[in-house]
C-alpha atoms as a PDB file:
ATOM      1  CA  MET A   1      -7.281  24.330  85.940  1.00  0.00           C
ATOM      2  CA  SER A   2      -3.921  25.028  87.909  1.00  0.00           C
ATOM      3  CA  HIS A   3      -3.610  27.567  90.962  1.00  0.00           C
ATOM      4  CA  LEU A   4      -0.429  29.720  91.027  1.00  0.00           C
ATOM      5  CA  ARG A   5       2.014  29.126  93.809  1.00  0.00           C
ATOM      6  CA  SER A   6       4.409  31.046  93.093  1.00  0.00           C
ATOM      7  CA  PHE A   7       5.172  34.888  93.267  1.00  0.00           C
ATOM      8  CA  LEU A   8       7.207  37.218  90.964  1.00  0.00           C
ATOM      9  CA  SER A   9      10.514  38.767  92.498  1.00  0.00           C
ATOM     10  CA  GLY A  10      11.590  42.394  91.200  1.00  0.00           C
ATOM     11  CA  ASN A  11      14.333  40.752  88.160  1.00  0.00           C
ATOM     12  CA  GLY A  12      11.294  38.645  86.872  1.00  0.00           C
ATOM     13  CA  ASN A  13      12.223  35.163  87.861  1.00  0.00           C
ATOM     14  CA  VAL A  14      10.150  33.120  89.664  1.00  0.00           C
ATOM     15  CA  SER A  15      10.126  32.731  92.903  1.00  0.00           C
ATOM     16  CA  HIS A  16       8.392  29.760  95.116  1.00  0.00           C
ATOM     17  CA  GLN A  17       7.309  30.099  98.711  1.00  0.00           C
ATOM     18  CA  GLY A  18       4.808  27.578 100.622  1.00  0.00           C
ATOM     19  CA  GLY A  19       1.617  27.892 100.540  1.00  0.00           C
ATOM     20  CA  SER A  20      -1.224  29.806  98.517  1.00  0.00           C
ATOM     21  CA  THR A  21      -1.787  33.862  98.381  1.00  0.00           C
ATOM     22  CA  ARG A  22      -4.303  35.541  97.266  1.00  0.00           C
ATOM     23  CA  THR A  23      -3.577  39.010  97.730  1.00  0.00           C
ATOM     24  CA  ALA A  24      -5.060  42.404  95.899  1.00  0.00           C
ATOM     25  CA  SER A  25      -2.629  43.096  92.802  1.00  0.00           C
ATOM     26  CA  THR A  26      -2.578  45.780  89.671  1.00  0.00           C
ATOM     27  CA  ALA A  27      -1.156  42.871  87.355  1.00  0.00           C
ATOM     28  CA  THR A  28      -3.268  40.846  85.529  1.00  0.00           C
ATOM     29  CA  LEU A  29      -2.771  37.110  83.194  1.00  0.00           C
ATOM     30  CA  THR A  30      -4.361  37.119  80.139  1.00  0.00           C
ATOM     31  CA  ASP A  31      -6.110  33.706  78.903  1.00  0.00           C
ATOM     32  CA  GLY A  32      -7.343  34.288  76.174  1.00  0.00           C
ATOM     33  CA  THR A  33     -10.681  36.446  75.874  1.00  0.00           C
ATOM     34  CA  ASN A  34     -10.693  35.992  80.163  1.00  0.00           C
ATOM     35  CA  ILE A  35      -8.437  38.278  82.466  1.00  0.00           C
ATOM     36  CA  TYR A  36      -7.342  36.449  85.446  1.00  0.00           C
ATOM     37  CA  GLY A  37      -5.814  38.321  88.633  1.00  0.00           C
ATOM     38  CA  ILE A  38      -2.198  37.300  89.590  1.00  0.00           C
ATOM     39  CA  TYR A  39      -3.565  35.223  92.759  1.00  0.00           C
ATOM     40  CA  THR A  40      -6.612  33.791  91.080  1.00  0.00           C
ATOM     41  CA  PRO A  41      -6.925  30.103  89.547  1.00  0.00           C
ATOM     42  CA  SER A  42      -5.773  30.774  85.556  1.00  0.00           C
ATOM     43  CA  LEU A  43      -7.039  28.241  82.721  1.00  0.00           C
ATOM     44  CA  THR A  44      -3.713  28.535  81.587  1.00  0.00           C
ATOM     45  CA  HIS A  45      -0.062  26.638  82.073  1.00  0.00           C
ATOM     46  CA  ASP A  46       2.138  28.208  84.945  1.00  0.00           C
ATOM     47  CA  SER A  47       5.431  28.575  82.113  1.00  0.00           C
ATOM     48  CA  LYS A  48       3.281  31.780  80.883  1.00  0.00           C
ATOM     49  CA  LEU A  49       4.184  33.813  84.621  1.00  0.00           C
ATOM     50  CA  SER A  50       7.354  34.215  83.218  1.00  0.00           C
ATOM     51  CA  GLU A  51       6.279  36.615  80.658  1.00  0.00           C
ATOM     52  CA  LEU A  52       5.000  38.584  84.052  1.00  0.00           C
ATOM     53  CA  VAL A  53       6.844  41.592  86.092  1.00  0.00           C
ATOM     54  CA  VAL A  54       4.872  41.978  89.508  1.00  0.00           C
ATOM     55  CA  ARG A  55       6.384  45.293  91.385  1.00  0.00           C
ATOM     56  CA  PRO A  56       7.446  44.537  95.029  1.00  0.00           C
ATOM     57  CA  SER A  57       5.297  46.720  97.102  1.00  0.00           C
ATOM     58  CA  ALA A  58       6.747  49.624  98.827  1.00  0.00           C
ATOM     59  CA  PRO A  59       7.224  49.179 102.124  1.00  0.00           C
ATOM     60  CA  GLU A  60       5.938  50.967 105.215  1.00  0.00           C
ATOM     61  CA  PRO A  61       7.899  53.431 107.013  1.00  0.00           C
ATOM     62  CA  THR A  62       7.654  52.058 110.324  1.00  0.00           C
ATOM     63  CA  VAL A  63       8.945  48.909 108.471  1.00  0.00           C
ATOM     64  CA  LEU A  64      12.050  51.012 107.333  1.00  0.00           C
ATOM     65  CA  LEU A  65      12.122  52.696 110.519  1.00  0.00           C
ATOM     66  CA  ARG A  66      12.072  49.379 112.537  1.00  0.00           C
ATOM     67  CA  GLU A  67      15.612  48.346 110.503  1.00  0.00           C
ATOM     68  CA  ILE A  68      17.291  51.506 110.620  1.00  0.00           C
ATOM     69  CA  GLN A  69      16.667  51.353 114.341  1.00  0.00           C
ATOM     70  CA  GLN A  70      18.346  48.007 114.706  1.00  0.00           C
ATOM     71  CA  ALA A  71      21.279  49.060 112.531  1.00  0.00           C
ATOM     72  CA  ALA A  72      22.088  52.240 114.268  1.00  0.00           C
ATOM     73  CA  ASP A  73      21.865  50.417 118.058  1.00  0.00           C
ATOM     74  CA  ASP A  74      24.355  48.080 116.696  1.00  0.00           C
ATOM     75  CA  ILE A  75      26.712  50.818 115.789  1.00  0.00           C
ATOM     76  CA  SER A  76      25.900  52.447 119.470  1.00  0.00           C
ATOM     77  CA  GLN A  77      27.023  49.190 121.330  1.00  0.00           C
ATOM     78  CA  LEU A  78      29.935  49.222 118.953  1.00  0.00           C
ATOM     79  CA  VAL A  79      30.511  53.009 119.840  1.00  0.00           C
ATOM     80  CA  GLY A  80      29.915  52.068 123.440  1.00  0.00           C
ATOM     81  CA  ARG A  81      32.246  49.181 123.631  1.00  0.00           C
ATOM     82  CA  PHE A  82      35.579  50.604 121.964  1.00  0.00           C
ATOM     83  CA  GLY A  83      35.167  54.507 122.446  1.00  0.00           C
ATOM     84  CA  PHE A  84      36.258  57.209 120.101  1.00  0.00           C
ATOM     85  CA  LYS A  85      39.115  56.584 118.680  1.00  0.00           C
ATOM     86  CA  MET A  86      37.620  52.581 117.062  1.00  0.00           C
ATOM     87  CA  ALA A  87      34.603  55.165 115.946  1.00  0.00           C
ATOM     88  CA  ARG A  88      37.014  57.394 113.963  1.00  0.00           C
ATOM     89  CA  THR A  89      38.694  54.658 112.888  1.00  0.00           C
ATOM     90  CA  LEU A  90      36.129  53.009 111.204  1.00  0.00           C
ATOM     91  CA  THR A  91      34.807  56.625 109.117  1.00  0.00           C
ATOM     92  CA  THR A  92      37.841  57.108 107.662  1.00  0.00           C
ATOM     93  CA  PRO A  93      37.335  56.585 103.347  1.00  0.00           C
ATOM     94  CA  PRO A  94      39.740  53.875 103.169  1.00  0.00           C
ATOM     95  CA  ILE A  95      38.718  51.616 105.904  1.00  0.00           C
ATOM     96  CA  LYS A  96      35.083  51.922 104.756  1.00  0.00           C
ATOM     97  CA  LYS A  97      35.343  51.144 101.318  1.00  0.00           C
ATOM     98  CA  ALA A  98      37.313  48.349 102.360  1.00  0.00           C
ATOM     99  CA  LEU A  99      34.444  47.332 105.060  1.00  0.00           C
ATOM    100  CA  PHE A 100      31.670  47.221 102.511  1.00  0.00           C
ATOM    101  CA  ALA A 101      33.359  46.354  99.300  1.00  0.00           C
ATOM    102  CA  ASP A 102      29.876  45.782  97.559  1.00  0.00           C
ATOM    103  CA  LYS A 103      27.840  48.415  98.914  1.00  0.00           C
ATOM    104  CA  LYS A 104      24.818  46.209  97.607  1.00  0.00           C
ATOM    105  CA  LEU A 105      25.255  43.981 100.395  1.00  0.00           C
ATOM    106  CA  LEU A 106      24.042  47.002 102.985  1.00  0.00           C
ATOM    107  CA  ARG A 107      20.517  46.797 101.030  1.00  0.00           C
ATOM    108  CA  PRO A 108      18.244  45.903 104.014  1.00  0.00           C
ATOM    109  CA  PRO A 109      15.409  43.425 103.619  1.00  0.00           C
ATOM    110  CA  CYS A 110      12.858  45.815 103.188  1.00  0.00           C
ATOM    111  CA  LEU A 111      14.419  48.027 100.701  1.00  0.00           C
ATOM    112  CA  MET A 112      16.161  45.755  98.295  1.00  0.00           C
ATOM    113  CA  TYR A 113      14.586  46.758  95.811  1.00  0.00           C
ATOM    114  CA  ALA A 114      14.918  50.599  95.824  1.00  0.00           C
ATOM    115  CA  ASP A 115      17.600  50.822  97.879  1.00  0.00           C
ATOM    116  CA  GLU A 116      19.859  53.621  95.326  1.00  0.00           C
ATOM    117  CA  PHE A 117      20.239  57.436  97.168  1.00  0.00           C
ATOM    118  CA  SER A 118      22.108  59.885  96.706  1.00  0.00           C
ATOM    119  CA  CYS A 119      22.124  62.205 100.049  1.00  0.00           C
ATOM    120  CA  VAL A 120      22.060  65.864 101.135  1.00  0.00           C
ATOM    121  CA  ILE A 121      23.805  66.102 104.609  1.00  0.00           C
ATOM    122  CA  THR A 122      22.738  68.988 107.265  1.00  0.00           C
ATOM    123  CA  ARG A 123      24.770  69.005 110.651  1.00  0.00           C
ATOM    124  CA  PHE A 124      24.629  71.326 113.403  1.00  0.00           C
ATOM    125  CA  CYS A 125      26.849  74.282 112.736  1.00  0.00           C
ATOM    126  CA  SER A 126      28.181  72.844 109.324  1.00  0.00           C
ATOM    127  CA  LYS A 127      28.039  73.485 105.950  1.00  0.00           C
ATOM    128  CA  THR A 128      25.529  71.808 103.896  1.00  0.00           C
ATOM    129  CA  ILE A 129      27.322  68.750 101.820  1.00  0.00           C
ATOM    130  CA  HIS A 130      25.209  67.565  98.637  1.00  0.00           C
ATOM    131  CA  ASP A 131      26.577  64.335  97.385  1.00  0.00           C
ATOM    132  CA  SER A 132      25.496  62.532  94.405  1.00  0.00           C
ATOM    133  CA  THR A 133      27.115  59.218  95.252  1.00  0.00           C
ATOM    134  CA  SER A 134      24.482  56.590  94.445  1.00  0.00           C
ATOM    135  CA  ALA A 135      24.412  54.253  97.500  1.00  0.00           C
ATOM    136  CA  PRO A 136      22.290  52.528 100.049  1.00  0.00           C
ATOM    137  CA  LEU A 137      20.460  54.322 103.062  1.00  0.00           C
ATOM    138  CA  LEU A 138      22.781  52.775 105.119  1.00  0.00           C
ATOM    139  CA  TRP A 139      25.780  53.543 103.546  1.00  0.00           C
ATOM    140  CA  TRP A 140      25.138  56.867 104.379  1.00  0.00           C
ATOM    141  CA  LEU A 141      23.674  56.486 107.802  1.00  0.00           C
ATOM    142  CA  TRP A 142      27.434  54.662 109.015  1.00  0.00           C
ATOM    143  CA  ASN A 143      29.401  58.112 109.148  1.00  0.00           C
ATOM    144  CA  GLU A 144      26.920  59.684 111.089  1.00  0.00           C
ATOM    145  CA  LEU A 145      26.040  56.924 113.442  1.00  0.00           C
ATOM    146  CA  LEU A 146      29.423  56.887 114.396  1.00  0.00           C
ATOM    147  CA  ASP A 147      30.099  60.292 114.664  1.00  0.00           C
ATOM    148  CA  TYR A 148      27.245  61.386 116.393  1.00  0.00           C
ATOM    149  CA  LEU A 149      27.431  58.415 119.196  1.00  0.00           C
ATOM    150  CA  PRO A 150      30.134  58.961 121.294  1.00  0.00           C
ATOM    151  CA  PRO A 151      29.484  61.335 124.153  1.00  0.00           C
ATOM    152  CA  ILE A 152      32.253  63.493 122.570  1.00  0.00           C
ATOM    153  CA  GLY A 153      31.567  63.269 118.948  1.00  0.00           C
ATOM    154  CA  GLU A 154      31.615  66.295 116.743  1.00  0.00           C
ATOM    155  CA  THR A 155      27.938  65.597 115.156  1.00  0.00           C
ATOM    156  CA  ARG A 156      25.600  66.426 117.985  1.00  0.00           C
ATOM    157  CA  LYS A 157      22.468  66.714 115.030  1.00  0.00           C
ATOM    158  CA  CYS A 158      22.302  65.596 112.018  1.00  0.00           C
ATOM    159  CA  ARG A 159      19.684  65.399 109.237  1.00  0.00           C
ATOM    160  CA  LEU A 160      19.821  63.357 106.414  1.00  0.00           C
ATOM    161  CA  ASP A 161      17.579  64.516 103.041  1.00  0.00           C
ATOM    162  CA  PHE A 162      17.711  61.126 100.373  1.00  0.00           C
ATOM    163  CA  ASN A 163      16.824  61.253  96.914  1.00  0.00           C
ATOM    164  CA  PRO A 164      16.626  58.180  94.066  1.00  0.00           C
ATOM    165  CA  ALA A 165      19.556  58.046  92.834  1.00  0.00           C
ATOM    166  CA  LEU A 166      18.768  54.725  90.225  1.00  0.00           C
ATOM    167  CA  ARG A 167      15.956  53.601  89.043  1.00  0.00           C
ATOM    168  CA  ALA A 168      14.662  50.822  90.822  1.00  0.00           C
ATOM    169  CA  ASP A 169      12.132  48.182  90.519  1.00  0.00           C
ATOM    170  CA  ILE A 170      10.138  49.866  92.784  1.00  0.00           C
ATOM    171  CA  ALA A 171       9.361  53.835  93.616  1.00  0.00           C
ATOM    172  CA  LEU A 172       9.208  54.734  97.002  1.00  0.00           C
ATOM    173  CA  PRO A 173       5.591  56.732  97.101  1.00  0.00           C
ATOM    174  CA  TYR A 174       7.224  59.087  99.716  1.00  0.00           C
ATOM    175  CA  ALA A 175      10.500  61.243 100.332  1.00  0.00           C
ATOM    176  CA  ILE A 176      12.654  60.247 102.967  1.00  0.00           C
ATOM    177  CA  THR A 177      14.175  62.656 105.175  1.00  0.00           C
ATOM    178  CA  ILE A 178      15.951  61.078 108.709  1.00  0.00           C
ATOM    179  CA  ASP A 179      16.887  63.414 111.429  1.00  0.00           C
ATOM    180  CA  ILE A 180      19.646  62.291 114.827  1.00  0.00           C
ATOM    181  CA  SER A 181      19.532  63.858 117.665  1.00  0.00           C
ATOM    182  CA  SER A 182      18.689  64.138 121.188  1.00  0.00           C
ATOM    183  CA  LYS A 183      15.574  64.432 122.562  1.00  0.00           C
ATOM    184  CA  ASN A 184      14.099  63.987 126.370  1.00  0.00           C
ATOM    185  CA  ASN A 185      17.930  62.993 126.973  1.00  0.00           C
ATOM    186  CA  LYS A 186      17.743  60.085 124.473  1.00  0.00           C
ATOM    187  CA  ASP A 187      19.371  59.819 121.547  1.00  0.00           C
ATOM    188  CA  ASN A 188      16.289  59.773 118.776  1.00  0.00           C
ATOM    189  CA  ILE A 189      16.138  58.722 114.850  1.00  0.00           C
ATOM    190  CA  GLU A 190      12.903  60.487 113.667  1.00  0.00           C
ATOM    191  CA  LEU A 191      11.965  59.424 109.887  1.00  0.00           C
ATOM    192  CA  THR A 192       9.743  61.496 107.837  1.00  0.00           C
ATOM    193  CA  ALA A 193       8.136  60.485 104.873  1.00  0.00           C
ATOM    194  CA  SER A 194       6.757  63.304 102.599  1.00  0.00           C
ATOM    195  CA  TYR A 195       3.938  61.845 100.133  1.00  0.00           C
ATOM    196  CA  GLY A 196       2.971  65.277  98.651  1.00  0.00           C
ATOM    197  CA  GLY A 197       0.028  65.559  97.196  1.00  0.00           C
ATOM    198  CA  LEU A 198      -2.600  68.228  97.429  1.00  0.00           C
ATOM    199  CA  PHE A 199      -1.570  68.995 100.895  1.00  0.00           C
ATOM    200  CA  ASP A 200       1.434  68.446 101.278  1.00  0.00           C
ATOM    201  CA  GLU A 201       1.109  64.891 103.122  1.00  0.00           C
ATOM    202  CA  ARG A 202       4.004  64.237 105.725  1.00  0.00           C
ATOM    203  CA  ARG A 203       4.270  61.462 107.790  1.00  0.00           C
ATOM    204  CA  ILE A 204       6.443  61.647 111.338  1.00  0.00           C
ATOM    205  CA  PHE A 205       8.036  58.543 113.419  1.00  0.00           C
ATOM    206  CA  ASP A 206      10.097  58.915 115.962  1.00  0.00           C
ATOM    207  CA  ALA A 207      12.526  55.332 117.230  1.00  0.00           C
ATOM    208  CA  SER A 208      15.352  55.745 120.272  1.00  0.00           C
ATOM    209  CA  ILE A 209      18.180  54.370 119.715  1.00  0.00           C
ATOM    210  CA  THR A 210      20.038  52.019 123.027  1.00  0.00           C
ATOM    211  CA  ARG A 211      22.845  53.668 124.514  1.00  0.00           C
ATOM    212  CA  PHE A 212      25.715  51.024 125.215  1.00  0.00           C
ATOM    213  CA  ASP A 213      26.686  50.734 128.937  1.00  0.00           C
ATOM    214  CA  PHE A 214      28.540  48.151 130.185  1.00  0.00           C
ATOM    215  CA  PRO A 215      26.679  46.093 132.848  1.00  0.00           C
ATOM    216  CA  LYS A 216      28.173  46.928 136.604  1.00  0.00           C
ATOM    217  CA  ALA A 217      29.120  43.808 138.500  1.00  0.00           C
ATOM    218  CA  GLU A 218      31.087  43.656 141.833  1.00  0.00           C
ATOM    219  CA  LYS A 219      32.943  41.271 143.895  1.00  0.00           C
ATOM    220  CA  TYR A 220      33.221  41.857 147.428  1.00  0.00           C
ATOM    221  CA  GLY A 221      31.380  45.788 147.362  1.00  0.00           C
ATOM    222  CA  LYS A 222      33.884  46.244 144.485  1.00  0.00           C
ATOM    223  CA  LEU A 223      32.981  47.096 140.661  1.00  0.00           C
ATOM    224  CA  THR A 224      35.225  43.887 138.780  1.00  0.00           C
ATOM    225  CA  MET A 225      35.632  43.530 135.121  1.00  0.00           C
ATOM    226  CA  ALA A 226      31.891  43.806 132.898  1.00  0.00           C
ATOM    227  CA  THR A 227      31.985  40.650 131.131  1.00  0.00           C
ATOM    228  CA  LEU A 228      29.296  40.815 127.643  1.00  0.00           C
ATOM    229  CA  ASP A 229      27.757  37.555 126.303  1.00  0.00           C
ATOM    230  CA  ILE A 230      30.497  37.257 123.250  1.00  0.00           C
ATOM    231  CA  ASP A 231      33.212  37.090 125.833  1.00  0.00           C
ATOM    232  CA  GLN A 232      32.042  34.306 128.177  1.00  0.00           C
ATOM    233  CA  ASN A 233      33.939  31.876 126.404  1.00  0.00           C
ATOM    234  CA  PRO A 234      37.827  33.017 125.809  1.00  0.00           C
ATOM    235  CA  TYR A 235      38.597  32.634 122.409  1.00  0.00           C
ATOM    236  CA  GLU A 236      41.364  29.838 120.951  1.00  0.00           C
ATOM    237  CA  GLY A 237      41.010  30.431 117.012  1.00  0.00           C
ATOM    238  CA  ASN A 238      44.100  31.562 115.381  1.00  0.00           C
ATOM    239  CA  GLY A 239      42.446  34.441 114.453  1.00  0.00           C
ATOM    240  CA  CYS A 240      41.614  35.789 110.862  1.00  0.00           C
ATOM    241  CA  ILE A 241      39.523  38.746 109.150  1.00  0.00           C
ATOM    242  CA  ALA A 242      35.592  37.049 109.520  1.00  0.00           C
ATOM    243  CA  HIS A 243      36.535  36.906 113.537  1.00  0.00           C
ATOM    244  CA  ILE A 244      38.039  40.493 113.833  1.00  0.00           C
ATOM    245  CA  LEU A 245      34.477  41.459 111.698  1.00  0.00           C
ATOM    246  CA  GLY A 246      32.643  39.021 114.122  1.00  0.00           C
ATOM    247  CA  TYR A 247      33.698  40.507 116.768  1.00  0.00           C
ATOM    248  CA  LEU A 248      33.098  44.365 116.481  1.00  0.00           C
ATOM    249  CA  VAL A 249      29.642  43.774 115.248  1.00  0.00           C
ATOM    250  CA  PRO A 250      28.591  40.724 117.104  1.00  0.00           C
ATOM    251  CA  ARG A 251      24.638  40.252 116.320  1.00  0.00           C
ATOM    252  CA  LEU A 252      23.809  37.258 114.553  1.00  0.00           C
ATOM    253  CA  GLU A 253      21.387  39.198 112.530  1.00  0.00           C
ATOM    254  CA  SER A 254      22.810  42.738 112.228  1.00  0.00           C
ATOM    255  CA  ASN A 255      22.353  44.039 108.868  1.00  0.00           C
ATOM    256  CA  TRP A 256      26.425  45.643 108.789  1.00  0.00           C
ATOM    257  CA  ARG A 257      27.591  41.933 109.138  1.00  0.00           C
ATOM    258  CA  PRO A 258      26.739  40.522 105.258  1.00  0.00           C
ATOM    259  CA  ALA A 259      27.740  43.845 104.021  1.00  0.00           C
ATOM    260  CA  MET A 260      30.774  42.881 105.413  1.00  0.00           C
ATOM    261  CA  GLU A 261      31.338  39.720 103.793  1.00  0.00           C
ATOM    262  CA  ALA A 262      32.971  40.832 101.230  1.00  0.00           C
ATOM    263  CA  PHE A 263      35.982  42.433 102.915  1.00  0.00           C
ATOM    264  CA  PRO A 264      38.598  42.543  99.900  1.00  0.00           C
ATOM    265  CA  SER A 265      41.805  39.823 101.501  1.00  0.00           C
ATOM    266  CA  GLU A 266      44.158  42.431  99.944  1.00  0.00           C
ATOM    267  CA  LYS A 267      42.665  44.991 102.467  1.00  0.00           C
ATOM    268  CA  GLU A 268      43.545  42.738 105.572  1.00  0.00           C
ATOM    269  CA  GLU A 269      47.165  44.373 106.340  1.00  0.00           C
ATOM    270  CA  ASP A 270      45.632  48.478 106.392  1.00  0.00           C
ATOM    271  CA  LEU A 271      42.597  47.229 108.540  1.00  0.00           C
ATOM    272  CA  ILE A 272      44.858  45.559 111.241  1.00  0.00           C
ATOM    273  CA  ILE A 273      46.925  48.664 111.365  1.00  0.00           C
ATOM    274  CA  ALA A 274      44.786  51.021 111.787  1.00  0.00           C
ATOM    275  CA  LEU A 275      42.536  48.793 113.927  1.00  0.00           C
ATOM    276  CA  ALA A 276      45.667  48.359 115.631  1.00  0.00           C
ATOM    277  CA  LYS A 277      46.296  51.847 116.641  1.00  0.00           C
ATOM    278  CA  THR A 278      42.916  52.137 118.443  1.00  0.00           C
ATOM    279  CA  TYR A 279      43.897  50.984 121.419  1.00  0.00           C
ATOM    280  CA  LYS A 280      44.967  53.290 124.830  1.00  0.00           C
ATOM    281  CA  ALA A 281      47.501  55.833 124.036  1.00  0.00           C
ATOM    282  CA  GLY A 282      49.541  57.675 126.838  1.00  0.00           C
ATOM    283  CA  ASP A 283      48.839  60.795 124.875  1.00  0.00           C
ATOM    284  CA  ASP A 284      45.479  60.362 123.641  1.00  0.00           C
ATOM    285  CA  ARG A 285      42.869  63.404 123.993  1.00  0.00           C
ATOM    286  CA  PHE A 286      40.057  61.685 124.728  1.00  0.00           C
ATOM    287  CA  PRO A 287      39.101  58.770 127.559  1.00  0.00           C
ATOM    288  CA  ILE A 288      38.928  54.806 126.884  1.00  0.00           C
ATOM    289  CA  SER A 289      38.021  53.002 129.818  1.00  0.00           C
ATOM    290  CA  GLU A 290      39.164  49.548 131.544  1.00  0.00           C
ATOM    291  CA  ASN A 291      36.717  48.099 130.306  1.00  0.00           C
ATOM    292  CA  GLN A 292      37.176  49.716 126.826  1.00  0.00           C
ATOM    293  CA  GLN A 293      40.855  48.648 126.755  1.00  0.00           C
ATOM    294  CA  GLN A 294      39.389  44.511 127.513  1.00  0.00           C
ATOM    295  CA  GLN A 295      37.060  45.019 124.700  1.00  0.00           C
ATOM    296  CA  PHE A 296      40.263  45.856 122.643  1.00  0.00           C
ATOM    297  CA  ARG A 297      42.633  42.724 123.898  1.00  0.00           C
ATOM    298  CA  ASN A 298      39.607  40.226 122.838  1.00  0.00           C
ATOM    299  CA  LEU A 299      39.977  42.382 119.659  1.00  0.00           C
ATOM    300  CA  LEU A 300      43.538  41.494 119.584  1.00  0.00           C
ATOM    301  CA  ARG A 301      43.532  37.734 120.226  1.00  0.00           C
ATOM    302  CA  ARG A 302      41.355  37.407 116.822  1.00  0.00           C
ATOM    303  CA  PHE A 303      44.619  39.070 114.415  1.00  0.00           C
ATOM    304  CA  PRO A 304      45.697  36.502 112.562  1.00  0.00           C
ATOM    305  CA  ILE A 305      48.897  35.161 114.216  1.00  0.00           C
ATOM    306  CA  ASP A 306      51.219  36.952 112.476  1.00  0.00           C
ATOM    307  CA  ALA A 307      48.952  40.357 112.100  1.00  0.00           C
ATOM    308  CA  ARG A 308      49.290  40.066 116.051  1.00  0.00           C
ATOM    309  CA  GLU A 309      53.081  39.625 116.102  1.00  0.00           C
ATOM    310  CA  TYR A 310      53.728  42.386 113.353  1.00  0.00           C
ATOM    311  CA  VAL A 311      51.714  45.491 115.237  1.00  0.00           C
ATOM    312  CA  VAL A 312      52.839  44.442 118.807  1.00  0.00           C
ATOM    313  CA  GLU A 313      56.462  44.320 117.599  1.00  0.00           C
ATOM    314  CA  ASN A 314      56.177  47.390 115.618  1.00  0.00           C
ATOM    315  CA  GLY A 315      54.653  49.697 118.338  1.00  0.00           C
ATOM    316  CA  LEU A 316      50.968  50.270 116.518  1.00  0.00           C
ATOM    317  CA  VAL A 317      49.588  48.939 119.994  1.00  0.00           C
ATOM    318  CA  GLY A 318      48.912  52.286 121.770  1.00  0.00           C
ATOM    319  CA  MET A 319      51.278  54.390 119.532  1.00  0.00           C
ATOM    320  CA  GLU A 320      51.552  57.489 120.166  1.00  0.00           C
ATOM    321  CA  LYS A 321      51.130  61.523 118.248  1.00  0.00           C
ATOM    322  CA  GLY A 322      48.609  59.562 116.407  1.00  0.00           C
ATOM    323  CA  PRO A 323      45.375  61.495 114.822  1.00  0.00           C
ATOM    324  CA  TYR A 324      43.577  61.397 117.979  1.00  0.00           C
ATOM    325  CA  SER A 325      46.427  63.117 120.605  1.00  0.00           C
ATOM    326  CA  GLN A 326      46.710  65.735 122.497  1.00  0.00           C
ATOM    327  CA  SER A 327      49.321  67.512 119.971  1.00  0.00           C
ATOM    328  CA  ALA A 328      46.750  66.762 117.141  1.00  0.00           C
ATOM    329  CA  PHE A 329      43.791  68.267 118.805  1.00  0.00           C
ATOM    330  CA  GLN A 330      46.441  71.525 119.704  1.00  0.00           C
ATOM    331  CA  PRO A 331      46.060  74.472 117.731  1.00  0.00           C
ATOM    332  CA  PRO A 332      48.436  75.182 115.584  1.00  0.00           C
ATOM    333  CA  GLY A 333      51.332  77.549 116.772  1.00  0.00           C
ATOM    334  CA  PRO A 334      52.433  80.915 115.870  1.00  0.00           C
ATOM    335  CA  LYS A 335      53.942  81.448 112.188  1.00  0.00           C
ATOM    336  CA  ASP A 336      57.629  82.030 111.894  1.00  0.00           C
END
């Protein structure tokens, strides 16, 4: 008699795990006249498991919300470190498309088998957007978080209603709605899991977003430049895209980081030029603090050497009359 020490992943292949697990399952294995549960001893050889398809279980809403909360905290840190211009730059379609060239890599671990949604986006005092694009949940959250989290961000409240876009290995037993807003003077994510049924059952969960602030340091009674953990050791490399992206999102466990690994090399110049223009300019509409300027200088050191020389020599660093200048936000003058 052999004990079954493996489970089937969503693609039908056998994945081996240490030890054995005996959990309830609706799938069964037939051996002649006998029927066995997936995790009960069987008289058959393990090779017959290849014919079975066991669907992975759907995540609890709390598990999903925790992963969303951590992803939002990463964005909050990014916005706090670099400011409004960086946040807006990273939402532009060409840059976002390059950052997440393979959207499937954005799937959080708990939704690996069921993360393809279209989305209905409702922003405060704006028209509802019905987007039929098929994309992972984090793909949709990227723009909304970067729009909402800057102190002078345009979005002050946002709702995202997710609809499954493609056939998945598992069907979530609930529909997902996410609200991003402020509650009790804190940025908040509210996840509603709607189960439907006779009584229209819904479960609502709240999670706060950690607002990033630079640590305050003093020397001889005066505030000094903040030093973050990532900046404890001066950067001494020659610069590359991987180091740039790693500096933008430094948390190693972040779901955003592996999604950026598919960045196409032919888009390197476009990204570097766009990032160079996020440095403080003399005619900026919105303020950029000294700490944020220091973060940019640290980022600039991670540019490849030839790219660093190019953006400086061509005046792209701190370029004026850009899309975030005072003049860009002025109302149009009278027509001739």
